Amino acid sequence: MSNVGFVHLHLHSQYSLLDGAIRIKDLVPHIKEQGMTSVAVTDHGNMYATIDFYRTARKSDIKPIIGCEAYIAGPKGRKDRSTRECTHLVLLAKDNEGYKNLNYLISMGFMEGFYYHPRIDKELLRRHAKGLFGLSACLGGVVTKPFLKEGLDKAVEEAKEYKEIFAPGHFFLELQDNGYPEQKPANEALIEIGRSCDIPLVATADAHYLRPEDSAAHEVLICIQQGRSLREFRERGQQHSDHLYVKSAEEMWTALGKLVPDAVANTVRIADACNVE
């Protein structure tokens, strides 16, 4: 066990509609019980939880980190309607300027980029990245998805571009332990890219529900989202993970800290740097 702490920087509340199953009123006491002093909420494409989350966390002396898992449109940009293909990028507000930029980006996602999802693009992000941390997200993320679809060279290209978009030291490659078989080779590739491109790593749980025993209920929620029965969901070969809960620091250290200690330690460094009032 390491003496480094851990902060959840990729987490979905009930406001990640029909995907997140974590209620704010349950999240904050749970974080406190685990001995953590801060937590981020990064709902899919929206910031609906922000006020409730901020006030609830502050009342319990937990630092709220304001974020969003944004949808990034393809090469043709946010105004293109020819494809719904997109990738994910976690954005965290470092300061009040970052919070304003995050508000603007997500608003433009709805106003200019909405096509199945509220999407932004690299062009918009370049103009409003100040005061933001960027995390490369999940298997559908801005670096991992290109790696899985097109290989290492394409992933390196994307990683370098996002490194340039954000301020120095503000873009991180996101390692996860989520139970999906694709994640292990993805983590190996991200570690290699981090070393070769001098991009820091960060560990996340991509939490969608509070406790391990909530996994079955979350699977039902996903079925409702897709309009399928549990049998149809499973017969189509779709996977549901029982790893997407709010893990303890000890669990995160065991899963990822032994492999890359800096990835766990960086969660605390990012959290310490985020101060939105």
C-alpha atoms as a PDB file:
ATOM      1  CA  MET A   1       0.000   0.000   0.000  1.00  0.00           C
ATOM      2  CA  SER A   2       1.379   3.417  -0.954  1.00  0.00           C
ATOM      3  CA  ASN A   3       1.084   6.523   1.124  1.00  0.00           C
ATOM      4  CA  VAL A   4      -0.272   8.517  -1.816  1.00  0.00           C
ATOM      5  CA  GLY A   5      -3.928   9.493  -1.733  1.00  0.00           C
ATOM      6  CA  PHE A   6      -6.449   9.323  -4.517  1.00  0.00           C
ATOM      7  CA  VAL A   7      -9.196  11.585  -5.841  1.00  0.00           C
ATOM      8  CA  HIS A   8     -12.007  10.542  -8.184  1.00  0.00           C
ATOM      9  CA  LEU A   9     -11.703  12.785 -11.254  1.00  0.00           C
ATOM     10  CA  HIS A  10     -13.998  10.854 -13.616  1.00  0.00           C
ATOM     11  CA  LEU A  11     -17.415  10.176 -12.119  1.00  0.00           C
ATOM     12  CA  HIS A  12     -20.997  10.138 -13.393  1.00  0.00           C
ATOM     13  CA  SER A  13     -23.964  11.231 -11.297  1.00  0.00           C
ATOM     14  CA  GLN A  14     -27.651  10.647 -12.008  1.00  0.00           C
ATOM     15  CA  TYR A  15     -27.404  13.634 -14.337  1.00  0.00           C
ATOM     16  CA  SER A  16     -25.552  11.433 -16.843  1.00  0.00           C
ATOM     17  CA  LEU A  17     -29.032  10.555 -17.951  1.00  0.00           C
ATOM     18  CA  LEU A  18     -29.793   6.805 -18.153  1.00  0.00           C
ATOM     19  CA  ASP A  19     -26.102   6.072 -17.606  1.00  0.00           C
ATOM     20  CA  GLY A  20     -24.943   7.464 -14.258  1.00  0.00           C
ATOM     21  CA  ALA A  21     -26.556   6.000 -11.136  1.00  0.00           C
ATOM     22  CA  ILE A  22     -24.844   8.025  -8.399  1.00  0.00           C
ATOM     23  CA  ARG A  23     -27.046  10.416  -6.450  1.00  0.00           C
ATOM     24  CA  ILE A  24     -25.300  13.535  -5.205  1.00  0.00           C
ATOM     25  CA  LYS A  25     -26.861  13.186  -1.758  1.00  0.00           C
ATOM     26  CA  ASP A  26     -25.289   9.700  -1.503  1.00  0.00           C
ATOM     27  CA  LEU A  27     -21.970  10.538  -3.157  1.00  0.00           C
ATOM     28  CA  VAL A  28     -20.714  13.179  -0.750  1.00  0.00           C
ATOM     29  CA  PRO A  29     -21.083  11.171   2.497  1.00  0.00           C
ATOM     30  CA  HIS A  30     -19.605   8.141   0.739  1.00  0.00           C
ATOM     31  CA  ILE A  31     -16.522  10.144  -0.269  1.00  0.00           C
ATOM     32  CA  LYS A  32     -16.190  11.388   3.293  1.00  0.00           C
ATOM     33  CA  GLU A  33     -16.472   7.843   4.664  1.00  0.00           C
ATOM     34  CA  GLN A  34     -13.603   6.814   2.423  1.00  0.00           C
ATOM     35  CA  GLY A  35     -11.409   9.528   3.923  1.00  0.00           C
ATOM     36  CA  MET A  36     -11.201  11.578   0.726  1.00  0.00           C
ATOM     37  CA  THR A  37     -11.371  15.379   0.823  1.00  0.00           C
ATOM     38  CA  SER A  38     -12.339  16.153  -2.780  1.00  0.00           C
ATOM     39  CA  VAL A  39     -14.195  14.641  -5.726  1.00  0.00           C
ATOM     40  CA  ALA A  40     -15.128  15.574  -9.285  1.00  0.00           C
ATOM     41  CA  VAL A  41     -18.429  15.081 -11.092  1.00  0.00           C
ATOM     42  CA  THR A  42     -18.020  14.703 -14.866  1.00  0.00           C
ATOM     43  CA  ASP A  43     -21.386  13.948 -16.400  1.00  0.00           C
ATOM     44  CA  HIS A  44     -21.807  13.109 -20.066  1.00  0.00           C
ATOM     45  CA  GLY A  45     -22.091  16.279 -22.123  1.00  0.00           C
ATOM     46  CA  ASN A  46     -23.812  18.393 -19.464  1.00  0.00           C
ATOM     47  CA  MET A  47     -23.305  20.271 -16.198  1.00  0.00           C
ATOM     48  CA  TYR A  48     -26.782  19.809 -14.741  1.00  0.00           C
ATOM     49  CA  ALA A  49     -25.385  18.582 -11.411  1.00  0.00           C
ATOM     50  CA  THR A  50     -23.101  21.556 -10.798  1.00  0.00           C
ATOM     51  CA  ILE A  51     -25.079  23.676  -8.321  1.00  0.00           C
ATOM     52  CA  ASP A  52     -26.457  20.743  -6.327  1.00  0.00           C
ATOM     53  CA  PHE A  53     -23.032  19.102  -6.248  1.00  0.00           C
ATOM     54  CA  TYR A  54     -21.148  22.274  -5.309  1.00  0.00           C
ATOM     55  CA  ARG A  55     -23.471  23.199  -2.450  1.00  0.00           C
ATOM     56  CA  THR A  56     -23.761  19.663  -1.079  1.00  0.00           C
ATOM     57  CA  ALA A  57     -19.996  19.108  -1.154  1.00  0.00           C
ATOM     58  CA  ARG A  58     -19.194  22.451   0.476  1.00  0.00           C
ATOM     59  CA  LYS A  59     -21.609  21.768   3.326  1.00  0.00           C
ATOM     60  CA  SER A  60     -19.665  18.606   4.114  1.00  0.00           C
ATOM     61  CA  ASP A  61     -16.198  20.176   3.729  1.00  0.00           C
ATOM     62  CA  ILE A  62     -15.513  18.212   0.552  1.00  0.00           C
ATOM     63  CA  LYS A  63     -13.844  20.164  -2.254  1.00  0.00           C
ATOM     64  CA  PRO A  64     -16.066  19.989  -5.378  1.00  0.00           C
ATOM     65  CA  ILE A  65     -14.199  19.724  -8.674  1.00  0.00           C
ATOM     66  CA  ILE A  66     -16.403  20.918 -11.523  1.00  0.00           C
ATOM     67  CA  GLY A  67     -16.102  18.967 -14.736  1.00  0.00           C
ATOM     68  CA  CYS A  68     -17.756  17.290 -17.681  1.00  0.00           C
ATOM     69  CA  GLU A  69     -17.055  14.366 -19.983  1.00  0.00           C
ATOM     70  CA  ALA A  70     -17.463  16.211 -23.247  1.00  0.00           C
ATOM     71  CA  TYR A  71     -18.345  14.712 -26.622  1.00  0.00           C
ATOM     72  CA  ILE A  72     -15.795  15.669 -29.291  1.00  0.00           C
ATOM     73  CA  ALA A  73     -17.082  15.719 -32.871  1.00  0.00           C
ATOM     74  CA  GLY A  74     -15.145  14.112 -35.712  1.00  0.00           C
ATOM     75  CA  PRO A  75     -12.793  15.793 -38.210  1.00  0.00           C
ATOM     76  CA  LYS A  76     -15.613  17.734 -39.907  1.00  0.00           C
ATOM     77  CA  GLY A  77     -16.410  19.552 -36.670  1.00  0.00           C
ATOM     78  CA  ARG A  78     -19.339  20.191 -34.377  1.00  0.00           C
ATOM     79  CA  LYS A  79     -21.678  21.528 -37.068  1.00  0.00           C
ATOM     80  CA  ASP A  80     -21.446  18.435 -39.261  1.00  0.00           C
ATOM     81  CA  ARG A  81     -24.527  16.200 -39.216  1.00  0.00           C
ATOM     82  CA  SER A  82     -23.327  13.434 -41.535  1.00  0.00           C
ATOM     83  CA  THR A  83     -22.169  11.131 -38.742  1.00  0.00           C
ATOM     84  CA  ARG A  84     -22.819  10.681 -35.036  1.00  0.00           C
ATOM     85  CA  GLU A  85     -19.275   9.388 -34.508  1.00  0.00           C
ATOM     86  CA  CYS A  86     -17.521  11.154 -31.639  1.00  0.00           C
ATOM     87  CA  THR A  87     -14.949  10.643 -28.902  1.00  0.00           C
ATOM     88  CA  HIS A  88     -14.893  11.538 -25.195  1.00  0.00           C
ATOM     89  CA  LEU A  89     -12.733  14.031 -23.302  1.00  0.00           C
ATOM     90  CA  VAL A  90     -12.914  14.784 -19.576  1.00  0.00           C
ATOM     91  CA  LEU A  91     -12.639  18.502 -18.803  1.00  0.00           C
ATOM     92  CA  LEU A  92     -12.012  19.827 -15.283  1.00  0.00           C
ATOM     93  CA  ALA A  93     -12.205  23.485 -14.261  1.00  0.00           C
ATOM     94  CA  LYS A  94      -8.948  24.569 -12.621  1.00  0.00           C
ATOM     95  CA  ASP A  95     -10.087  28.077 -11.716  1.00  0.00           C
ATOM     96  CA  ASN A  96     -12.933  30.534 -12.306  1.00  0.00           C
ATOM     97  CA  GLU A  97     -11.736  31.307 -15.821  1.00  0.00           C
ATOM     98  CA  GLY A  98     -11.718  27.588 -16.563  1.00  0.00           C
ATOM     99  CA  TYR A  99     -15.222  27.289 -15.139  1.00  0.00           C
ATOM    100  CA  LYS A 100     -16.428  30.052 -17.470  1.00  0.00           C
ATOM    101  CA  ASN A 101     -14.739  28.372 -20.427  1.00  0.00           C
ATOM    102  CA  LEU A 102     -16.267  25.025 -19.489  1.00  0.00           C
ATOM    103  CA  ASN A 103     -19.726  26.595 -19.262  1.00  0.00           C
ATOM    104  CA  TYR A 104     -19.234  28.164 -22.677  1.00  0.00           C
ATOM    105  CA  LEU A 105     -17.984  24.964 -24.302  1.00  0.00           C
ATOM    106  CA  ILE A 106     -20.836  22.829 -23.005  1.00  0.00           C
ATOM    107  CA  SER A 107     -23.399  25.489 -23.943  1.00  0.00           C
ATOM    108  CA  MET A 108     -22.007  25.604 -27.496  1.00  0.00           C
ATOM    109  CA  GLY A 109     -22.214  21.825 -27.568  1.00  0.00           C
ATOM    110  CA  PHE A 110     -25.976  22.137 -27.205  1.00  0.00           C
ATOM    111  CA  MET A 111     -26.438  25.282 -29.302  1.00  0.00           C
ATOM    112  CA  GLU A 112     -24.131  24.548 -32.242  1.00  0.00           C
ATOM    113  CA  GLY A 113     -23.033  20.925 -31.999  1.00  0.00           C
ATOM    114  CA  PHE A 114     -26.062  18.928 -30.946  1.00  0.00           C
ATOM    115  CA  TYR A 115     -26.520  15.798 -33.020  1.00  0.00           C
ATOM    116  CA  TYR A 116     -27.568  12.850 -30.837  1.00  0.00           C
ATOM    117  CA  HIS A 117     -25.177  14.353 -28.279  1.00  0.00           C
ATOM    118  CA  PRO A 118     -24.094  17.911 -27.409  1.00  0.00           C
ATOM    119  CA  ARG A 119     -20.725  17.993 -29.217  1.00  0.00           C
ATOM    120  CA  ILE A 120     -17.816  20.383 -29.253  1.00  0.00           C
ATOM    121  CA  ASP A 121     -14.699  20.160 -31.426  1.00  0.00           C
ATOM    122  CA  LYS A 122     -10.978  20.873 -31.402  1.00  0.00           C
ATOM    123  CA  GLU A 123     -11.391  24.289 -33.003  1.00  0.00           C
ATOM    124  CA  LEU A 124     -13.718  25.468 -30.227  1.00  0.00           C
ATOM    125  CA  LEU A 125     -11.596  23.834 -27.552  1.00  0.00           C
ATOM    126  CA  ARG A 126      -8.437  25.599 -28.746  1.00  0.00           C
ATOM    127  CA  ARG A 127     -10.092  28.956 -28.124  1.00  0.00           C
ATOM    128  CA  HIS A 128     -11.471  28.057 -24.699  1.00  0.00           C
ATOM    129  CA  ALA A 129      -8.967  25.672 -23.095  1.00  0.00           C
ATOM    130  CA  LYS A 130      -7.484  28.166 -20.660  1.00  0.00           C
ATOM    131  CA  GLY A 131      -8.019  27.205 -17.033  1.00  0.00           C
ATOM    132  CA  LEU A 132      -8.959  23.631 -17.913  1.00  0.00           C
ATOM    133  CA  PHE A 133      -7.385  20.249 -17.345  1.00  0.00           C
ATOM    134  CA  GLY A 134      -8.019  17.640 -20.041  1.00  0.00           C
ATOM    135  CA  LEU A 135      -8.131  13.882 -19.363  1.00  0.00           C
ATOM    136  CA  SER A 136      -8.206  11.450 -22.272  1.00  0.00           C
ATOM    137  CA  ALA A 137     -11.251   9.568 -20.891  1.00  0.00           C
ATOM    138  CA  CYS A 138     -12.397   5.986 -21.437  1.00  0.00           C
ATOM    139  CA  LEU A 139     -12.205   3.351 -24.193  1.00  0.00           C
ATOM    140  CA  GLY A 140     -14.230   5.823 -26.261  1.00  0.00           C
ATOM    141  CA  GLY A 141     -11.777   8.607 -25.476  1.00  0.00           C
ATOM    142  CA  VAL A 142      -9.827  10.950 -27.712  1.00  0.00           C
ATOM    143  CA  VAL A 143      -6.646   8.817 -27.616  1.00  0.00           C
ATOM    144  CA  THR A 144      -7.826   5.309 -26.712  1.00  0.00           C
ATOM    145  CA  LYS A 145     -10.553   5.052 -29.357  1.00  0.00           C
ATOM    146  CA  PRO A 146      -8.155   5.974 -32.200  1.00  0.00           C
ATOM    147  CA  PHE A 147      -5.677   3.434 -30.795  1.00  0.00           C
ATOM    148  CA  LEU A 148      -8.263   0.648 -30.801  1.00  0.00           C
ATOM    149  CA  LYS A 149      -9.573   1.527 -34.280  1.00  0.00           C
ATOM    150  CA  GLU A 150      -6.470   2.719 -36.136  1.00  0.00           C
ATOM    151  CA  GLY A 151      -3.409   1.742 -34.134  1.00  0.00           C
ATOM    152  CA  LEU A 152      -0.621   3.323 -32.130  1.00  0.00           C
ATOM    153  CA  ASP A 153       0.524   5.911 -34.681  1.00  0.00           C
ATOM    154  CA  LYS A 154      -2.922   7.515 -34.854  1.00  0.00           C
ATOM    155  CA  ALA A 155      -3.179   7.515 -31.057  1.00  0.00           C
ATOM    156  CA  VAL A 156       0.203   9.266 -30.799  1.00  0.00           C
ATOM    157  CA  GLU A 157      -0.926  11.865 -33.328  1.00  0.00           C
ATOM    158  CA  GLU A 158      -4.076  12.623 -31.345  1.00  0.00           C
ATOM    159  CA  ALA A 159      -2.233  12.704 -28.023  1.00  0.00           C
ATOM    160  CA  LYS A 160       0.291  15.221 -29.345  1.00  0.00           C
ATOM    161  CA  GLU A 161      -2.472  17.447 -30.683  1.00  0.00           C
ATOM    162  CA  TYR A 162      -4.365  17.513 -27.388  1.00  0.00           C
ATOM    163  CA  LYS A 163      -1.143  18.144 -25.492  1.00  0.00           C
ATOM    164  CA  GLU A 164      -0.682  21.237 -27.656  1.00  0.00           C
ATOM    165  CA  ILE A 165      -4.279  22.411 -27.176  1.00  0.00           C
ATOM    166  CA  PHE A 166      -4.015  22.585 -23.388  1.00  0.00           C
ATOM    167  CA  ALA A 167      -1.560  24.589 -21.316  1.00  0.00           C
ATOM    168  CA  PRO A 168       1.724  22.781 -20.547  1.00  0.00           C
ATOM    169  CA  GLY A 169       1.157  19.962 -18.071  1.00  0.00           C
ATOM    170  CA  HIS A 170      -2.636  20.219 -18.292  1.00  0.00           C
ATOM    171  CA  PHE A 171      -3.411  17.230 -20.549  1.00  0.00           C
ATOM    172  CA  PHE A 172      -3.292  13.733 -19.048  1.00  0.00           C
ATOM    173  CA  LEU A 173      -3.569  10.224 -20.458  1.00  0.00           C
ATOM    174  CA  GLU A 174      -6.179   8.343 -18.471  1.00  0.00           C
ATOM    175  CA  LEU A 175      -5.500   4.838 -17.183  1.00  0.00           C
ATOM    176  CA  GLN A 176      -8.452   2.776 -15.972  1.00  0.00           C
ATOM    177  CA  ASP A 177      -9.159  -0.589 -14.357  1.00  0.00           C
ATOM    178  CA  ASN A 178     -12.694  -1.109 -15.597  1.00  0.00           C
ATOM    179  CA  GLY A 179     -12.972  -4.843 -16.216  1.00  0.00           C
ATOM    180  CA  TYR A 180     -13.128  -4.582 -20.020  1.00  0.00           C
ATOM    181  CA  PRO A 181     -10.591  -6.770 -21.888  1.00  0.00           C
ATOM    182  CA  GLU A 182      -9.628  -3.935 -24.253  1.00  0.00           C
ATOM    183  CA  GLN A 183      -8.444  -1.793 -21.359  1.00  0.00           C
ATOM    184  CA  LYS A 184      -5.235  -3.714 -20.649  1.00  0.00           C
ATOM    185  CA  PRO A 185      -3.669  -3.185 -24.112  1.00  0.00           C
ATOM    186  CA  ALA A 186      -5.037   0.359 -24.064  1.00  0.00           C
ATOM    187  CA  ASN A 187      -3.280   1.066 -20.757  1.00  0.00           C
ATOM    188  CA  GLU A 188      -0.041  -0.374 -22.117  1.00  0.00           C
ATOM    189  CA  ALA A 189      -0.291   1.874 -25.169  1.00  0.00           C
ATOM    190  CA  LEU A 190      -1.111   4.947 -23.070  1.00  0.00           C
ATOM    191  CA  ILE A 191       1.903   4.332 -20.829  1.00  0.00           C
ATOM    192  CA  GLU A 192       4.114   4.047 -23.911  1.00  0.00           C
ATOM    193  CA  ILE A 193       2.637   7.213 -25.427  1.00  0.00           C
ATOM    194  CA  GLY A 194       3.071   9.049 -22.135  1.00  0.00           C
ATOM    195  CA  ARG A 195       6.755   8.195 -22.011  1.00  0.00           C
ATOM    196  CA  SER A 196       7.496   8.900 -25.669  1.00  0.00           C
ATOM    197  CA  CYS A 197       5.499  12.153 -25.853  1.00  0.00           C
ATOM    198  CA  ASP A 198       6.166  13.415 -22.314  1.00  0.00           C
ATOM    199  CA  ILE A 199       2.472  13.426 -21.362  1.00  0.00           C
ATOM    200  CA  PRO A 200       1.570  12.702 -17.716  1.00  0.00           C
ATOM    201  CA  LEU A 201      -0.719   9.841 -16.726  1.00  0.00           C
ATOM    202  CA  VAL A 202      -3.724   9.867 -14.394  1.00  0.00           C
ATOM    203  CA  ALA A 203      -5.703   7.010 -12.849  1.00  0.00           C
ATOM    204  CA  THR A 204      -9.511   7.051 -12.804  1.00  0.00           C
ATOM    205  CA  ALA A 205     -12.315   4.673 -11.907  1.00  0.00           C
ATOM    206  CA  ASP A 206     -14.860   6.053 -14.420  1.00  0.00           C
ATOM    207  CA  ALA A 207     -17.430   5.540 -11.670  1.00  0.00           C
ATOM    208  CA  HIS A 208     -21.047   5.142 -12.779  1.00  0.00           C
ATOM    209  CA  TYR A 209     -22.529   3.724  -9.573  1.00  0.00           C
ATOM    210  CA  LEU A 210     -21.688   4.002  -5.907  1.00  0.00           C
ATOM    211  CA  ARG A 211     -21.012   0.458  -4.679  1.00  0.00           C
ATOM    212  CA  PRO A 212     -20.239  -2.932  -6.282  1.00  0.00           C
ATOM    213  CA  GLU A 213     -23.701  -4.234  -5.407  1.00  0.00           C
ATOM    214  CA  ASP A 214     -25.254  -1.458  -7.537  1.00  0.00           C
ATOM    215  CA  SER A 215     -23.868  -3.009 -10.738  1.00  0.00           C
ATOM    216  CA  ALA A 216     -27.032  -4.987 -11.596  1.00  0.00           C
ATOM    217  CA  ALA A 217     -29.245  -1.919 -11.230  1.00  0.00           C
ATOM    218  CA  HIS A 218     -26.890   0.040 -13.478  1.00  0.00           C
ATOM    219  CA  GLU A 219     -27.077  -2.686 -16.125  1.00  0.00           C
ATOM    220  CA  VAL A 220     -30.870  -2.335 -16.087  1.00  0.00           C
ATOM    221  CA  LEU A 221     -30.462   1.433 -16.505  1.00  0.00           C
ATOM    222  CA  ILE A 222     -28.313   0.892 -19.609  1.00  0.00           C
ATOM    223  CA  CYS A 223     -30.960  -1.448 -21.021  1.00  0.00           C
ATOM    224  CA  ILE A 224     -33.606   1.245 -20.520  1.00  0.00           C
ATOM    225  CA  GLN A 225     -31.339   3.714 -22.303  1.00  0.00           C
ATOM    226  CA  GLN A 226     -31.035   1.349 -25.270  1.00  0.00           C
ATOM    227  CA  GLY A 227     -34.660   0.234 -25.244  1.00  0.00           C
ATOM    228  CA  ARG A 228     -33.681  -3.421 -24.826  1.00  0.00           C
ATOM    229  CA  SER A 229     -34.414  -6.177 -22.356  1.00  0.00           C
ATOM    230  CA  LEU A 230     -31.604  -7.699 -20.302  1.00  0.00           C
ATOM    231  CA  ARG A 231     -31.747 -10.793 -22.489  1.00  0.00           C
ATOM    232  CA  GLU A 232     -31.473  -8.745 -25.689  1.00  0.00           C
ATOM    233  CA  PHE A 233     -28.601  -6.737 -24.204  1.00  0.00           C
ATOM    234  CA  ARG A 234     -26.655  -9.891 -23.350  1.00  0.00           C
ATOM    235  CA  GLU A 235     -27.535 -11.785 -26.533  1.00  0.00           C
ATOM    236  CA  ARG A 236     -26.067  -8.931 -28.575  1.00  0.00           C
ATOM    237  CA  GLY A 237     -22.775  -9.605 -26.826  1.00  0.00           C
ATOM    238  CA  GLN A 238     -22.721  -6.260 -25.060  1.00  0.00           C
ATOM    239  CA  GLN A 239     -20.624  -6.145 -21.936  1.00  0.00           C
ATOM    240  CA  HIS A 240     -21.450  -4.618 -18.614  1.00  0.00           C
ATOM    241  CA  SER A 241     -18.715  -4.117 -16.051  1.00  0.00           C
ATOM    242  CA  ASP A 242     -19.019  -4.556 -12.309  1.00  0.00           C
ATOM    243  CA  HIS A 243     -15.878  -2.418 -11.796  1.00  0.00           C
ATOM    244  CA  LEU A 244     -17.443   0.995 -12.400  1.00  0.00           C
ATOM    245  CA  TYR A 245     -18.069   1.936  -8.780  1.00  0.00           C
ATOM    246  CA  VAL A 246     -16.596   4.579  -6.467  1.00  0.00           C
ATOM    247  CA  LYS A 247     -13.462   2.695  -5.467  1.00  0.00           C
ATOM    248  CA  SER A 248     -11.381   3.421  -2.388  1.00  0.00           C
ATOM    249  CA  ALA A 249      -7.867   4.830  -2.564  1.00  0.00           C
ATOM    250  CA  GLU A 250      -6.575   1.409  -1.537  1.00  0.00           C
ATOM    251  CA  GLU A 251      -8.390  -0.275  -4.422  1.00  0.00           C
ATOM    252  CA  MET A 252      -7.083   2.256  -6.924  1.00  0.00           C
ATOM    253  CA  TRP A 253      -3.557   1.831  -5.612  1.00  0.00           C
ATOM    254  CA  THR A 254      -3.801  -1.958  -5.901  1.00  0.00           C
ATOM    255  CA  ALA A 255      -5.246  -1.758  -9.416  1.00  0.00           C
ATOM    256  CA  LEU A 256      -3.062   0.930 -10.981  1.00  0.00           C
ATOM    257  CA  GLY A 257      -0.726   2.484  -8.437  1.00  0.00           C
ATOM    258  CA  LYS A 258       1.695  -0.425  -8.359  1.00  0.00           C
ATOM    259  CA  LEU A 259       1.967  -0.233 -12.154  1.00  0.00           C
ATOM    260  CA  VAL A 260       2.322   3.536 -12.454  1.00  0.00           C
ATOM    261  CA  PRO A 261       2.506   5.319  -9.067  1.00  0.00           C
ATOM    262  CA  ASP A 262       2.502   8.780 -10.656  1.00  0.00           C
ATOM    263  CA  ALA A 263      -0.885   8.089 -12.241  1.00  0.00           C
ATOM    264  CA  VAL A 264      -2.471   7.777  -8.801  1.00  0.00           C
ATOM    265  CA  ALA A 265      -0.465  10.619  -7.266  1.00  0.00           C
ATOM    266  CA  ASN A 266      -1.443  12.925 -10.123  1.00  0.00           C
ATOM    267  CA  THR A 267      -5.111  12.714  -9.093  1.00  0.00           C
ATOM    268  CA  VAL A 268      -4.189  14.519  -5.882  1.00  0.00           C
ATOM    269  CA  ARG A 269      -2.020  17.064  -7.710  1.00  0.00           C
ATOM    270  CA  ILE A 270      -4.849  17.896 -10.105  1.00  0.00           C
ATOM    271  CA  ALA A 271      -7.397  18.121  -7.279  1.00  0.00           C
ATOM    272  CA  ASP A 272      -5.105  20.426  -5.271  1.00  0.00           C
ATOM    273  CA  ALA A 273      -4.763  22.709  -8.309  1.00  0.00           C
ATOM    274  CA  CYS A 274      -8.543  22.959  -8.902  1.00  0.00           C
ATOM    275  CA  ASN A 275     -10.091  25.843  -6.989  1.00  0.00           C
ATOM    276  CA  VAL A 276     -13.374  27.217  -8.322  1.00  0.00           C
ATOM    277  CA  GLU A 277     -15.222  29.630  -6.054  1.00  0.00           C
END
